[in-house]
Amino acid sequence: MSIPTRDENLRGNPERSRKPNMPGRMAIMLIAVAVLFGLVFGYGALRSFFIAKFLAGFANQVQTVATMTAETTGWQPNLQSVGSITAVNGASLSAEVGGVVDTIHFESGQDVRKGDLLLTLRANNDPAVLAQLQAQAALAAITEARDEKQLAADAIAQSQLDSDRAQLASAQAQVAAQQALIDEKQVRAPFSGRLGIRQVDLGQFLAAGTEIVSLQQLNPVYVDFHLPQQALAQVQPGQIVDVSVDAYPAQKFSGTILALDSNVDQATRSIAVRAKLDNSKLLLRPGMFANIAVSIGTAQQALTLPQTAITYNSYGDTVYVLSQGTDAKGQPDLIANQLFVTLGDTRGDQVAVLSGVKAGDQVVVAGQVKLRNGAVVVVNNTLLPANSPNPTPPNE
């Protein structure tokens, strides 16, 4: 009888051949999983360690900021708009009839008075025709006077005298018509003002209506602008307006509202407003672009800050206010505290703060983007942001 070999026993019993390897494979798998989890959690712990270390170093870092002291200032509520300067009287002068330019009696940019002769067209035979008509009118007047005496002596009928009077009136009318034709060839200033640039030359033929020169009355002047329909309850004639123009950024021109339009524009839902300005120095010119502020209500005191001090957020606007604190070693330090604020109207570089900050608080106006609540700061006010209620462009 032969004894089965080990291989024959294994082939005859498969279950027996797999059992010795199962514990080993499980152990390897468990070890691999443990190593994998160890790597994952170890990396996370190491990463958290370095982040915490970095944040701790950042938290202890002193940040440099610029600050201003919150103050209350006079604040006049107003409505802002833009508009254009227009002349009280302004016209492009032209002749009523066509003709050749005979004489020019003005210079470009000259100040003239109402009625001053500016230009005449060639008269041609108009004076001769006028003289002929005047002679006929004179003869008609003599005939009418003689026939009046004849009628008194009953030498002629009343109808003859009536005919003489009609002829006299007709002759005088023809004289007036011819004189009007001559006058139409003379261009005179319709009002006092300043002339613009001359547009014609001697000997030039002018068609009726061709522009000769612009004439503008420069004092006073109007400023025309628009306000939203909601402002109707706050605006009325007589209110004060302050006007500024780019040509004189540091100067304000004061005036009063003269009139409001009788209807609201349906396309823009705004109303046209006209104000009158004193221009005794003749600095303003028609056509200038103007910024307008209409004073409404009474002046009041408001706490103001530069708009750069505000961090605008959808969940609330905030500022950083400095207070005295101590560092880790107990030494005195300046600490930045974040506060929520309620804002009012803006004016130039400034914004009114209704609540959240009180007068005398030291507010961060530059550098707050790198701050967090409780950060240690040092103040450097070498460069401060603009804080003007009436800012002007830097290139001016």
Protein backbone atom coordinates (compact mmCIF):
# COMPACT_ATOMS: atom_id res chain seq x y z
CA MET A 1 0.00 0.00 0.00
CA SER A 2 1.43 3.34 -1.09
CA ILE A 3 1.42 6.38 1.17
CA PRO A 4 -0.05 9.56 -0.47
CA THR A 5 2.38 12.41 -0.83
CA ARG A 6 1.84 15.91 0.59
CA ASP A 7 0.93 17.34 -2.79
CA GLU A 8 -1.61 14.64 -3.38
CA ASN A 9 -3.18 15.42 -0.01
CA LEU A 10 -3.43 19.10 -0.90
CA ARG A 11 -5.02 18.41 -4.24
CA GLY A 12 -7.48 16.07 -2.68
CA ASN A 13 -8.53 18.63 0.00
CA PRO A 14 -8.71 22.24 -1.35
CA GLU A 15 -10.24 23.73 1.79
CA ARG A 16 -7.31 22.44 3.74
CA SER A 17 -4.87 24.04 1.28
CA ARG A 18 -6.43 27.60 1.63
CA LYS A 19 -6.79 27.80 5.40
CA PRO A 20 -3.12 28.29 6.30
CA ASN A 21 -2.89 31.51 4.02
CA MET A 22 -6.04 33.43 5.13
CA PRO A 23 -4.73 34.89 8.43
CA GLY A 24 -1.63 36.18 6.70
CA ARG A 25 -3.49 38.01 3.98
CA MET A 26 -5.86 39.63 6.46
CA ALA A 27 -2.99 40.83 8.54
CA ILE A 28 -1.31 42.43 5.53
CA MET A 29 -4.52 44.20 4.56
CA LEU A 30 -5.07 45.51 8.07
CA ILE A 31 -1.53 46.76 8.27
CA ALA A 32 -1.91 48.56 4.90
CA VAL A 33 -5.14 50.22 5.98
CA ALA A 34 -3.60 51.28 9.26
CA VAL A 35 -0.62 52.77 7.46
CA LEU A 36 -2.93 54.61 5.02
CA PHE A 37 -5.05 56.06 7.81
CA GLY A 38 -1.92 56.98 9.68
CA LEU A 39 -0.59 58.87 6.71
CA VAL A 40 -3.89 60.71 6.16
CA PHE A 41 -4.43 61.69 9.76
CA GLY A 42 -0.78 62.41 10.27
CA TYR A 43 -0.75 64.79 7.31
CA GLY A 44 -3.87 66.52 8.61
CA ALA A 45 -2.41 66.90 12.07
CA LEU A 46 0.86 68.19 10.66
CA ARG A 47 -0.96 70.62 8.41
CA SER A 48 -3.09 71.90 11.29
CA PHE A 49 0.02 72.32 13.38
CA PHE A 50 1.77 74.48 10.82
CA ILE A 51 -1.38 76.52 10.09
CA ALA A 52 -1.89 77.18 13.79
CA LYS A 53 1.74 78.15 14.10
CA PHE A 54 1.45 80.52 11.12
CA LEU A 55 -1.74 82.10 12.46
CA ALA A 56 -0.20 82.47 15.87
CA GLY A 57 2.72 84.29 14.29
CA PHE A 58 0.38 86.45 12.21
CA ALA A 59 -1.75 87.23 15.24
CA ASN A 60 1.28 88.47 17.09
CA GLN A 61 2.41 90.60 14.13
CA VAL A 62 1.99 94.35 14.58
CA GLN A 63 0.12 95.99 11.69
CA THR A 64 0.73 99.57 10.53
CA VAL A 65 -2.38 101.70 9.96
CA ALA A 66 -3.37 105.33 9.46
CA THR A 67 -6.03 106.86 11.70
CA MET A 68 -8.21 109.94 12.10
CA THR A 69 -10.18 111.22 15.04
CA ALA A 70 -13.94 111.12 14.50
CA GLU A 71 -15.34 114.66 14.66
CA THR A 72 -18.72 116.34 14.32
CA THR A 73 -18.97 119.00 11.62
CA GLY A 74 -21.67 121.19 10.12
CA TRP A 75 -23.72 119.22 7.61
CA GLN A 76 -26.17 120.87 5.23
CA PRO A 77 -28.51 118.33 3.62
CA ASN A 78 -28.64 118.86 -0.13
CA LEU A 79 -29.68 117.34 -3.43
CA GLN A 80 -26.95 116.76 -6.02
CA SER A 81 -27.34 117.21 -9.76
CA VAL A 82 -25.47 118.24 -12.88
CA GLY A 83 -26.50 120.80 -15.46
CA SER A 84 -25.43 123.49 -17.91
CA ILE A 85 -24.87 127.22 -17.74
CA THR A 86 -27.13 129.20 -20.09
CA ALA A 87 -27.39 132.90 -20.85
CA VAL A 88 -30.34 135.00 -19.74
CA ASN A 89 -30.29 136.39 -23.28
CA GLY A 90 -28.30 134.74 -26.03
CA ALA A 91 -28.63 134.81 -29.80
CA SER A 92 -26.81 134.12 -33.04
CA LEU A 93 -27.21 137.39 -34.93
CA SER A 94 -28.03 137.46 -38.63
CA ALA A 95 -29.45 139.85 -41.25
CA GLU A 96 -33.10 139.68 -42.19
CA VAL A 97 -32.37 140.12 -45.90
CA GLY A 98 -29.60 138.95 -48.19
CA GLY A 99 -26.82 141.19 -49.47
CA VAL A 100 -23.12 141.94 -49.68
CA VAL A 101 -21.27 142.94 -46.48
CA ASP A 102 -20.40 146.62 -46.81
CA THR A 103 -19.06 147.58 -43.35
CA ILE A 104 -18.31 145.73 -40.09
CA HIS A 105 -18.50 147.83 -36.93
CA PHE A 106 -17.36 145.36 -34.24
CA GLU A 107 -14.45 143.19 -33.12
CA SER A 108 -14.59 139.60 -31.88
CA GLY A 109 -15.10 139.38 -28.12
CA GLN A 110 -16.24 142.99 -27.83
CA ASP A 111 -18.77 144.17 -25.23
CA VAL A 112 -21.65 146.07 -26.85
CA ARG A 113 -24.74 147.88 -25.70
CA LYS A 114 -28.28 147.49 -26.92
CA GLY A 115 -28.80 149.27 -30.26
CA ASP A 116 -25.11 149.45 -31.26
CA LEU A 117 -24.60 149.12 -35.05
CA LEU A 118 -22.69 145.92 -35.84
CA LEU A 119 -22.86 145.41 -39.60
CA THR A 120 -24.37 146.98 -42.74
CA LEU A 121 -25.08 145.44 -46.13
CA ARG A 122 -24.54 147.24 -49.41
CA ALA A 123 -27.40 149.69 -49.91
CA ASN A 124 -27.37 149.63 -53.76
CA ASN A 125 -30.15 152.00 -55.02
CA ASP A 126 -32.23 151.86 -51.86
CA PRO A 127 -31.41 155.48 -50.80
CA ALA A 128 -32.38 156.79 -54.27
CA VAL A 129 -35.70 154.96 -54.16
CA LEU A 130 -36.29 156.35 -50.68
CA ALA A 131 -35.61 159.89 -51.89
CA GLN A 132 -38.05 159.45 -54.79
CA LEU A 133 -40.77 158.21 -52.47
CA GLN A 134 -40.12 161.04 -50.01
CA ALA A 135 -40.54 163.55 -52.86
CA GLN A 136 -43.84 162.00 -53.86
CA ALA A 137 -45.01 162.11 -50.24
CA ALA A 138 -44.02 165.77 -50.00
CA LEU A 139 -45.98 166.60 -53.17
CA ALA A 140 -49.00 164.71 -51.82
CA ALA A 141 -48.78 166.72 -48.60
CA ILE A 142 -48.71 170.03 -50.54
CA THR A 143 -51.69 168.98 -52.67
CA GLU A 144 -53.66 167.92 -49.62
CA ALA A 145 -52.95 171.24 -47.86
CA ARG A 146 -53.96 173.30 -50.94
CA ASP A 147 -57.19 171.35 -51.42
CA GLU A 148 -58.13 171.94 -47.79
CA LYS A 149 -58.11 175.68 -48.53
CA GLN A 150 -60.04 175.12 -51.75
CA LEU A 151 -62.69 173.15 -49.86
CA ALA A 152 -63.01 175.96 -47.34
CA ALA A 153 -63.80 178.31 -50.24
CA ASP A 154 -66.23 175.80 -51.74
CA ALA A 155 -64.02 175.53 -54.83
CA ILE A 156 -63.81 171.73 -54.78
CA ALA A 157 -65.86 168.83 -53.57
CA GLN A 158 -65.21 166.92 -50.33
CA SER A 159 -64.42 163.80 -52.38
CA GLN A 160 -61.41 165.53 -53.92
CA LEU A 161 -59.94 166.28 -50.52
CA ASP A 162 -60.57 162.71 -49.37
CA SER A 163 -58.69 161.45 -52.43
CA ASP A 164 -55.78 163.79 -51.67
CA ARG A 165 -55.57 162.51 -48.09
CA ALA A 166 -55.55 158.87 -49.27
CA GLN A 167 -52.74 159.61 -51.74
CA LEU A 168 -50.74 161.30 -48.99
CA ALA A 169 -51.19 158.35 -46.63
CA SER A 170 -50.16 155.92 -49.40
CA ALA A 171 -47.04 157.95 -50.20
CA GLN A 172 -46.03 158.11 -46.52
CA ALA A 173 -46.55 154.33 -46.20
CA GLN A 174 -44.27 153.71 -49.19
CA VAL A 175 -41.60 155.90 -47.58
CA ALA A 176 -41.89 153.88 -44.33
CA ALA A 177 -41.65 150.59 -46.26
CA GLN A 178 -38.53 151.70 -48.10
CA GLN A 179 -36.97 152.95 -44.85
CA ALA A 180 -37.70 149.57 -43.23
CA LEU A 181 -35.95 147.83 -46.13
CA ILE A 182 -32.87 150.00 -45.59
CA ASP A 183 -32.98 149.33 -41.85
CA GLU A 184 -33.10 145.58 -42.49
CA LYS A 185 -29.65 145.87 -44.08
CA GLN A 186 -28.27 147.13 -40.77
CA VAL A 187 -27.64 144.63 -37.98
CA ARG A 188 -27.80 146.10 -34.46
CA ALA A 189 -27.32 144.55 -31.01
CA PRO A 190 -30.75 143.52 -29.67
CA PHE A 191 -29.46 143.63 -26.06
CA SER A 192 -26.30 144.41 -24.15
CA GLY A 193 -23.73 141.64 -23.88
CA ARG A 194 -20.49 140.19 -25.20
CA LEU A 195 -19.90 139.23 -28.81
CA GLY A 196 -18.32 135.98 -29.87
CA ILE A 197 -16.10 135.21 -32.86
CA ARG A 198 -16.91 137.06 -36.10
CA GLN A 199 -18.17 134.67 -38.79
CA VAL A 200 -18.24 137.00 -41.84
CA ASP A 201 -15.85 139.17 -43.87
CA LEU A 202 -16.08 142.35 -45.92
CA GLY A 203 -17.43 141.79 -49.42
CA GLN A 204 -18.97 138.44 -48.53
CA PHE A 205 -22.49 137.77 -49.82
CA LEU A 206 -24.82 136.81 -47.00
CA ALA A 207 -28.03 134.93 -47.51
CA ALA A 208 -30.85 135.88 -45.16
CA GLY A 209 -30.39 134.13 -41.82
CA THR A 210 -26.63 133.47 -42.15
CA GLU A 211 -24.92 133.74 -38.73
CA ILE A 212 -22.80 136.85 -38.31
CA VAL A 213 -21.75 136.61 -34.65
CA SER A 214 -23.00 135.25 -31.32
CA LEU A 215 -24.14 137.68 -28.62
CA GLN A 216 -24.51 136.54 -25.01
CA GLN A 217 -25.63 138.42 -21.93
CA LEU A 218 -23.22 137.15 -19.26
CA ASN A 219 -24.55 138.72 -16.07
CA PRO A 220 -26.61 137.22 -14.60
CA VAL A 221 -26.71 133.69 -16.01
CA TYR A 222 -28.97 130.68 -15.63
CA VAL A 223 -28.08 127.12 -14.68
CA ASP A 224 -30.49 124.45 -15.93
CA PHE A 225 -30.57 120.99 -14.34
CA HIS A 226 -32.90 118.10 -13.51
CA LEU A 227 -33.99 116.57 -10.21
CA PRO A 228 -35.91 113.31 -9.61
CA GLN A 229 -39.64 113.65 -9.14
CA GLN A 230 -39.27 112.64 -5.48
CA ALA A 231 -37.56 116.02 -4.88
CA LEU A 232 -40.71 118.01 -5.70
CA ALA A 233 -41.72 118.08 -2.05
CA GLN A 234 -38.33 119.52 -1.05
CA VAL A 235 -37.62 122.07 -3.79
CA GLN A 236 -39.30 125.40 -4.48
CA PRO A 237 -38.37 128.78 -6.00
CA GLY A 238 -36.13 130.88 -3.79
CA GLN A 239 -34.02 128.02 -2.40
CA ILE A 240 -30.23 128.39 -2.39
CA VAL A 241 -28.07 126.48 -4.86
CA ASP A 242 -24.28 126.15 -4.90
CA VAL A 243 -22.67 125.66 -8.31
CA SER A 244 -19.13 124.58 -9.19
CA VAL A 245 -17.46 124.25 -12.58
CA ASP A 246 -14.30 122.45 -13.65
CA ALA A 247 -12.65 125.69 -14.79
CA TYR A 248 -12.65 127.07 -11.21
CA PRO A 249 -12.64 124.01 -8.90
CA ALA A 250 -11.89 125.97 -5.74
CA GLN A 251 -14.68 128.52 -6.25
CA LYS A 252 -18.38 128.29 -5.50
CA PHE A 253 -21.08 130.26 -7.29
CA SER A 254 -24.21 130.88 -5.29
CA GLY A 255 -27.69 131.48 -6.68
CA THR A 256 -31.38 130.86 -6.13
CA ILE A 257 -33.93 128.64 -7.82
CA LEU A 258 -35.96 130.72 -10.25
CA ALA A 259 -38.54 128.24 -11.55
CA LEU A 260 -39.51 124.57 -11.87
CA ASP A 261 -40.94 123.12 -15.05
CA SER A 262 -44.70 122.65 -15.17
CA ASN A 263 -44.47 118.93 -15.99
CA VAL A 264 -42.36 115.86 -15.16
CA ASP A 265 -40.50 114.17 -18.00
CA GLN A 266 -42.27 110.83 -18.57
CA ALA A 267 -39.12 109.17 -19.91
CA THR A 268 -36.81 110.01 -16.97
CA ARG A 269 -39.41 110.84 -14.26
CA SER A 270 -37.40 113.99 -13.51
CA ILE A 271 -38.30 117.67 -13.47
CA ALA A 272 -36.35 120.52 -15.05
CA VAL A 273 -35.19 123.28 -12.69
CA ARG A 274 -33.70 126.69 -13.50
CA ALA A 275 -31.63 128.75 -11.08
CA LYS A 276 -30.23 132.26 -11.45
CA LEU A 277 -26.57 132.99 -10.64
CA ASP A 278 -24.67 136.21 -10.13
CA ASN A 279 -21.82 136.43 -12.66
CA SER A 280 -20.51 139.93 -12.02
CA LYS A 281 -16.92 138.74 -12.54
CA LEU A 282 -17.92 137.22 -15.91
CA LEU A 283 -16.22 133.91 -15.08
CA LEU A 284 -19.07 131.69 -16.21
CA ARG A 285 -19.87 131.06 -19.85
CA PRO A 286 -23.00 129.63 -21.47
CA GLY A 287 -22.60 125.94 -22.25
CA MET A 288 -20.38 125.16 -19.24
CA PHE A 289 -20.93 121.85 -17.43
CA ALA A 290 -21.86 122.49 -13.81
CA ASN A 291 -22.23 120.53 -10.57
CA ILE A 292 -25.20 121.68 -8.51
CA ALA A 293 -26.05 121.24 -4.84
CA VAL A 294 -29.54 122.35 -3.74
CA SER A 295 -29.72 123.07 -0.02
CA ILE A 296 -32.73 121.48 1.67
CA GLY A 297 -33.79 121.57 5.28
CA THR A 298 -31.76 123.16 8.06
CA ALA A 299 -28.06 122.73 8.72
CA GLN A 300 -27.19 120.17 11.40
CA GLN A 301 -24.19 118.65 13.15
CA ALA A 302 -23.06 115.22 11.96
CA LEU A 303 -20.16 112.91 12.77
CA THR A 304 -18.14 112.39 9.60
CA LEU A 305 -15.43 110.00 8.46
CA PRO A 306 -13.54 109.50 5.20
CA GLN A 307 -15.30 106.94 3.02
CA THR A 308 -12.06 104.91 2.99
CA ALA A 309 -12.58 104.16 6.68
CA ILE A 310 -15.71 102.13 5.96
CA THR A 311 -15.61 98.41 5.14
CA TYR A 312 -18.80 97.84 3.15
CA ASN A 313 -20.38 94.41 3.54
CA SER A 314 -23.71 92.85 2.68
CA TYR A 315 -24.21 91.85 6.32
CA GLY A 316 -23.31 95.31 7.69
CA ASP A 317 -20.82 98.16 7.33
CA THR A 318 -17.93 98.22 9.78
CA VAL A 319 -15.00 100.33 10.96
CA TYR A 320 -11.97 99.63 13.13
CA VAL A 321 -11.60 101.75 16.26
CA LEU A 322 -8.37 101.74 18.31
CA SER A 323 -8.27 101.29 22.06
CA GLN A 324 -5.54 100.81 24.66
CA GLY A 325 -4.65 97.21 25.52
CA THR A 326 -1.73 95.01 26.59
CA ASP A 327 0.32 92.43 24.74
CA ALA A 328 1.28 88.93 25.93
CA LYS A 329 4.03 90.41 28.09
CA GLY A 330 1.72 92.93 29.73
CA GLN A 331 3.12 95.90 27.81
CA PRO A 332 0.68 98.61 26.63
CA ASP A 333 -0.41 98.34 23.01
CA LEU A 334 -3.01 99.72 20.61
CA ILE A 335 -5.72 97.19 19.79
CA ALA A 336 -8.05 97.38 16.77
CA ASN A 337 -11.70 96.59 17.51
CA GLN A 338 -14.21 96.06 14.70
CA LEU A 339 -17.54 97.89 15.14
CA PHE A 340 -20.72 97.95 13.08
CA VAL A 341 -21.89 101.40 11.98
CA THR A 342 -25.01 102.96 10.48
CA LEU A 343 -24.25 105.39 7.65
CA GLY A 344 -26.05 108.47 6.37
CA ASP A 345 -25.50 110.65 3.31
CA THR A 346 -22.19 111.13 1.55
CA ARG A 347 -20.54 114.48 0.76
CA GLY A 348 -17.41 114.51 -1.37
CA ASP A 349 -14.84 112.25 0.34
CA GLN A 350 -16.89 112.12 3.55
CA VAL A 351 -19.75 110.02 4.84
CA ALA A 352 -22.02 110.79 7.80
CA VAL A 353 -22.03 108.15 10.57
CA LEU A 354 -25.36 107.95 12.39
CA SER A 355 -24.39 105.35 15.01
CA GLY A 356 -21.61 102.98 16.04
CA VAL A 357 -18.85 105.57 16.49
CA LYS A 358 -18.70 108.56 18.83
CA ALA A 359 -16.80 111.82 18.57
CA GLY A 360 -13.18 111.47 19.71
CA ASP A 361 -12.79 107.81 18.65
CA GLN A 362 -9.56 107.01 16.83
CA VAL A 363 -10.73 105.34 13.62
CA VAL A 364 -8.57 103.43 11.15
CA VAL A 365 -8.83 105.08 7.72
CA ALA A 366 -6.12 103.13 5.86
CA GLY A 367 -4.69 99.62 6.28
CA GLN A 368 -7.80 97.98 7.71
CA VAL A 369 -7.83 95.30 5.01
CA LYS A 370 -5.08 93.44 6.90
CA LEU A 371 -6.72 93.75 10.31
CA ARG A 372 -8.81 91.39 12.38
CA ASN A 373 -10.69 92.01 15.59
CA GLY A 374 -8.17 92.38 18.43
CA ALA A 375 -5.13 92.93 16.18
CA VAL A 376 -2.19 94.88 17.59
CA VAL A 377 -1.41 97.99 15.52
CA VAL A 378 0.99 100.89 15.26
CA VAL A 379 -0.11 104.25 13.86
CA ASN A 380 1.68 105.97 10.97
CA ASN A 381 -0.19 109.03 9.70
CA THR A 382 2.40 110.14 7.17
CA LEU A 383 -0.05 109.53 4.34
CA LEU A 384 -3.76 110.05 4.94
CA PRO A 385 -6.65 109.55 2.52
CA ALA A 386 -8.65 112.48 1.16
CA ASN A 387 -11.25 113.88 3.56
CA SER A 388 -12.68 116.91 1.79
CA PRO A 389 -16.39 117.75 1.51
CA ASN A 390 -15.64 119.36 -1.87
CA PRO A 391 -12.90 117.32 -3.54
CA THR A 392 -11.22 118.42 -6.77
CA PRO A 393 -9.44 116.27 -9.36
CA PRO A 394 -5.72 115.91 -8.52
CA ASN A 395 -4.64 117.14 -11.96
CA GLU A 396 -6.22 120.49 -11.28
